[in-house]
Protein backbone atom coordinates (compact mmCIF):
# COMPACT_ATOMS: atom_id res chain seq x y z
CA MET A 1 136.82 110.66 216.29
CA LYS A 2 138.24 107.65 214.63
CA TYR A 3 135.00 105.63 215.52
CA THR A 4 132.68 108.22 214.28
CA ARG A 5 134.35 108.34 211.05
CA ILE A 6 134.22 104.32 210.65
CA ALA A 7 130.54 104.31 211.77
CA ALA A 8 129.71 107.01 208.99
CA VAL A 9 131.55 105.24 206.46
CA ALA A 10 129.55 102.10 207.49
CA ALA A 11 126.18 103.69 207.56
CA VAL A 12 126.99 105.06 204.12
CA GLY A 13 127.85 101.45 202.96
CA ILE A 14 124.76 100.17 204.15
CA ALA A 15 122.60 102.95 202.49
CA ALA A 16 124.31 102.36 199.26
CA THR A 17 123.77 98.40 199.32
CA LEU A 18 120.07 99.13 200.20
CA SER A 19 119.86 101.21 197.37
CA LEU A 20 121.31 98.71 194.82
CA THR A 21 118.84 96.00 196.35
CA ALA A 22 115.74 98.44 195.77
CA CYS A 23 116.92 99.29 192.14
CA GLY A 24 117.64 95.13 191.61
CA ALA A 25 114.07 94.47 192.73
CA ASP A 26 112.52 97.12 190.69
CA GLY A 27 114.11 96.14 187.45
CA SER A 28 113.48 92.45 188.12
CA GLY A 29 109.82 92.99 188.59
CA LYS A 30 109.62 95.11 185.15
CA ALA A 31 111.26 92.46 183.29
CA SER A 32 109.11 89.69 184.67
CA ALA A 33 105.92 91.89 183.80
CA SER A 34 107.31 92.36 180.14
CA LYS A 35 107.92 88.93 179.85
CA GLY A 36 104.67 87.80 181.21
CA SER A 37 102.96 89.99 178.87
CA SER A 38 104.99 88.75 175.98
CA ASN A 39 103.86 85.29 176.72
CA SER A 40 100.33 85.96 177.01
CA SER A 41 100.23 87.99 173.50
CA SER A 42 101.98 84.85 172.04
CA SER A 43 99.64 82.35 173.53
CA SER A 44 96.60 84.54 172.47
CA SER A 45 98.02 84.45 168.61
CA SER A 46 98.61 80.58 169.07
CA SER A 47 94.98 79.88 170.11
CA ALA A 48 93.63 82.28 167.26
CA SER A 49 95.73 80.20 165.00
CA ASP A 50 94.30 76.92 166.28
CA ASP A 51 90.73 77.82 166.39
CA SER A 52 91.07 78.73 162.77
CA SER A 53 91.99 75.29 161.86
CA GLU A 54 89.10 73.48 163.58
CA PRO A 55 86.42 71.84 161.31
CA GLY A 56 83.73 74.46 160.61
CA GLY A 57 85.90 77.28 161.90
CA GLY A 58 87.30 80.14 160.17
CA SER A 59 86.14 81.45 156.50
CA GLY A 60 86.73 77.90 155.19
CA GLY A 61 84.11 76.29 157.17
CA SER A 62 81.79 79.53 156.63
CA GLN A 63 82.26 79.04 152.66
CA ALA A 64 81.69 75.56 152.76
CA GLY A 65 78.36 75.86 154.68
CA ASN A 66 77.41 78.50 152.01
CA ALA A 67 78.42 76.63 149.17
CA LYS A 68 75.50 76.19 146.48
CA PRO A 69 74.80 72.94 144.69
CA ASP A 70 76.04 73.09 140.90
CA SER A 71 72.88 74.09 138.96
CA GLY A 72 74.80 74.59 135.62
CA GLY A 73 75.21 72.68 132.66
CA SER A 74 75.30 69.11 134.74
CA ALA A 75 71.46 69.79 135.36
CA GLU A 76 70.77 70.35 131.80
CA THR A 77 72.46 67.35 130.85
CA ARG A 78 70.84 65.06 133.10
CA SER A 79 67.46 66.62 131.78
CA ASP A 80 68.27 66.02 128.06
CA SER A 81 69.16 62.54 129.19
CA ALA A 82 66.18 61.67 130.69
CA SER A 83 64.02 63.16 127.91
CA GLY A 84 65.77 61.17 125.29
CA ALA A 85 67.70 64.14 123.51
CA SER A 86 69.05 63.29 120.20
CA GLY A 87 71.82 65.37 118.87
CA SER A 88 71.93 69.24 119.61
CA GLY A 89 69.27 70.45 117.42
CA GLY A 90 66.31 69.38 119.26
CA LYS A 91 64.76 66.74 121.80
CA THR A 92 63.07 63.31 120.94
CA THR A 93 60.98 62.12 124.04
CA PHE A 94 60.99 58.52 124.72
CA CYS A 95 58.02 56.63 123.52
CA LYS A 96 55.14 56.21 126.08
CA THR A 97 53.46 52.78 126.68
CA GLU A 98 49.95 54.44 126.11
CA ASP A 99 51.03 55.69 122.67
CA LEU A 100 52.37 52.26 121.48
CA ALA A 101 50.31 49.52 119.80
CA ILE A 102 52.09 46.29 121.03
CA ASP A 103 51.93 42.91 119.50
CA ALA A 104 53.52 39.31 119.99
CA ARG A 105 53.86 36.68 117.39
CA ASN A 106 55.72 33.24 116.83
CA ALA A 107 58.57 33.71 114.58
CA ALA A 108 60.62 30.59 114.85
CA THR A 109 61.64 29.17 112.07
CA ASP A 110 62.19 25.64 113.11
CA GLU A 111 61.20 23.39 115.87
CA VAL A 112 64.56 23.92 117.79
CA SER A 113 65.25 27.36 118.15
CA GLY A 114 62.25 29.48 119.53
CA ARG A 115 61.85 33.08 118.57
CA ILE A 116 59.16 35.66 119.56
CA ASP A 117 58.79 38.86 117.75
CA ILE A 118 57.45 41.97 119.66
CA THR A 119 56.14 44.80 117.51
CA MET A 120 55.53 48.29 118.77
CA ILE A 121 53.72 50.84 116.59
CA ASN A 122 54.07 54.45 117.27
CA ARG A 123 50.21 55.64 117.52
CA GLY A 124 51.05 58.95 119.04
CA PRO A 125 50.97 62.24 117.47
CA THR A 126 54.73 63.03 117.50
CA THR A 127 57.89 61.21 116.74
CA CYS A 128 59.52 59.24 119.78
CA SER A 129 62.39 57.07 120.51
CA ALA A 130 62.06 53.37 121.40
CA THR A 131 66.06 52.91 121.56
CA GLY A 132 67.27 50.13 124.05
CA PHE A 133 65.87 46.97 125.80
CA ALA A 134 62.46 46.42 126.86
CA GLY A 135 61.80 44.93 130.24
CA VAL A 136 60.37 41.34 129.71
CA ASP A 137 58.80 38.82 132.20
CA ILE A 138 57.27 35.54 131.21
CA LYS A 139 54.22 34.51 133.19
CA ASP A 140 53.43 30.76 133.63
CA THR A 141 50.32 28.80 134.82
CA ASP A 142 51.09 28.81 138.40
CA ASN A 143 50.89 32.77 138.37
CA THR A 144 54.86 33.35 138.92
CA SER A 145 56.56 35.58 136.59
CA SER A 146 60.10 35.38 135.70
CA PRO A 147 62.39 38.22 134.31
CA ILE A 148 64.16 37.67 131.12
CA GLU A 149 67.93 38.45 130.84
CA ARG A 150 69.02 40.75 127.99
CA GLY A 151 71.02 39.08 125.26
CA HIS A 152 74.67 40.01 124.18
CA ALA A 153 73.74 42.66 121.71
CA GLN A 154 74.62 46.34 121.07
CA PRO A 155 71.13 48.95 120.89
CA ARG A 156 70.61 50.83 117.84
CA ILE A 157 68.89 53.90 117.51
CA THR A 158 65.11 53.40 116.88
CA THR A 159 63.52 56.54 116.41
CA LEU A 160 59.75 56.16 115.46
CA LYS A 161 57.71 58.81 113.45
CA PRO A 162 53.77 58.39 113.89
CA GLY A 163 52.72 55.22 112.13
CA ASP A 164 56.50 53.55 112.30
CA ALA A 165 57.24 50.26 114.09
CA ALA A 166 59.84 48.80 116.08
CA VAL A 167 60.54 45.24 116.74
CA PHE A 168 62.62 43.06 119.38
CA ASP A 169 62.94 39.41 119.59
CA ILE A 170 62.85 37.06 122.28
CA ALA A 171 65.01 33.84 121.90
CA TYR A 172 64.71 30.62 123.53
CA ASP A 173 65.23 26.75 123.04
CA ILE A 174 62.09 24.86 122.27
CA ASP A 175 61.35 21.86 124.57
CA ASN A 176 59.73 19.19 122.31
CA SER A 177 59.26 16.58 125.01
CA ASP A 178 56.14 16.16 127.10
CA ASP A 179 58.03 16.49 130.55
CA SER A 180 58.63 20.37 130.12
CA LEU A 181 58.68 22.52 133.53
CA THR A 182 57.51 25.46 131.82
CA ASN A 183 54.01 26.46 130.60
CA PRO A 184 54.06 29.95 129.68
CA THR A 185 50.80 31.85 129.28
CA ASP A 186 51.83 35.71 128.97
CA ILE A 187 54.55 37.97 128.22
CA LEU A 188 54.65 41.19 130.23
CA VAL A 189 56.51 43.87 128.51
CA THR A 190 57.67 47.29 129.68
CA PRO A 191 58.98 49.42 126.58
CA PRO A 192 62.42 51.17 126.80
CA ASN A 193 62.72 53.79 129.46
CA GLU A 194 59.31 53.18 130.76
CA THR A 195 57.55 52.03 133.67
CA HIS A 196 53.95 51.00 132.33
CA THR A 197 53.63 47.44 131.33
CA VAL A 198 51.43 45.62 128.78
CA ASP A 199 50.34 41.95 129.30
CA LEU A 200 50.48 39.91 125.83
CA LYS A 201 49.50 36.51 125.64
CA TRP A 202 51.96 34.06 124.52
CA PRO A 203 51.68 33.64 120.80
CA GLU A 204 49.89 30.94 119.43
CA GLY A 205 51.91 28.28 117.96
CA ALA A 206 54.96 29.05 120.00
CA GLY A 207 56.65 26.31 121.87
CA LYS A 208 57.36 25.90 125.25
CA VAL A 209 60.71 26.88 126.82
CA LYS A 210 63.24 23.99 127.43
CA GLY A 211 64.88 23.84 130.78
CA SER A 212 63.85 27.05 132.73
CA TYR A 213 63.14 30.70 131.82
CA VAL A 214 66.71 31.58 133.08
CA ASP A 215 68.08 30.69 129.26
CA VAL A 216 65.40 32.80 127.70
CA GLN A 217 67.06 36.18 126.36
CA VAL A 218 65.64 39.28 124.89
CA PHE A 219 67.19 41.59 122.42
CA PRO A 220 67.32 45.50 121.79
CA THR A 221 64.74 47.37 119.51
CA HIS A 222 65.38 48.08 116.07
CA THR A 223 63.29 49.43 113.20
CA THR A 224 61.56 47.25 110.61
CA LYS A 225 62.58 49.41 107.90
């Protein structure tokens, strides 16, 4: 009888132990699954956050791709500048080469300082602007042409009504020797803000250029009034 009771107690103990072990395993499994699910959710959230920071990704990249170029006041300002707008009351276009009667004459007052006046008369039907520096090249007998540098002078507003004239000067030192390396034949003139050029003959009586054409200077236009 004693042995029977001991065996029964032992059996009950073993059954209890097995029951506790089973409960522990089940609880541990559930905890691991819950932890794994949490990690997976966190990883997914982190991945979504990282994707939005990639170049071109997220709403920022989409907005940048759909951004429209500025078509407001800046374009209008550029248009006004290109057409020679004067003030806010209206626009005055730049004088076109085809509307200008252009002539060159010797204007030197002595035999040392050379000066050539280039006159431009507005023969067009409307008022135009000749403000600024004209482009000038001097052509030599060897068929080479040299661009002339701008003199240090501030351009003045030069607005020409039909029939009005503008003038600009070319200044240089006259070579009075017989050893000059220059022999100018033509002056190529492009009016301010224009691309079409006129070919003028070197004025009769104008002296040769001393040294080289590097020292010749052209000055901005001004009205003759």
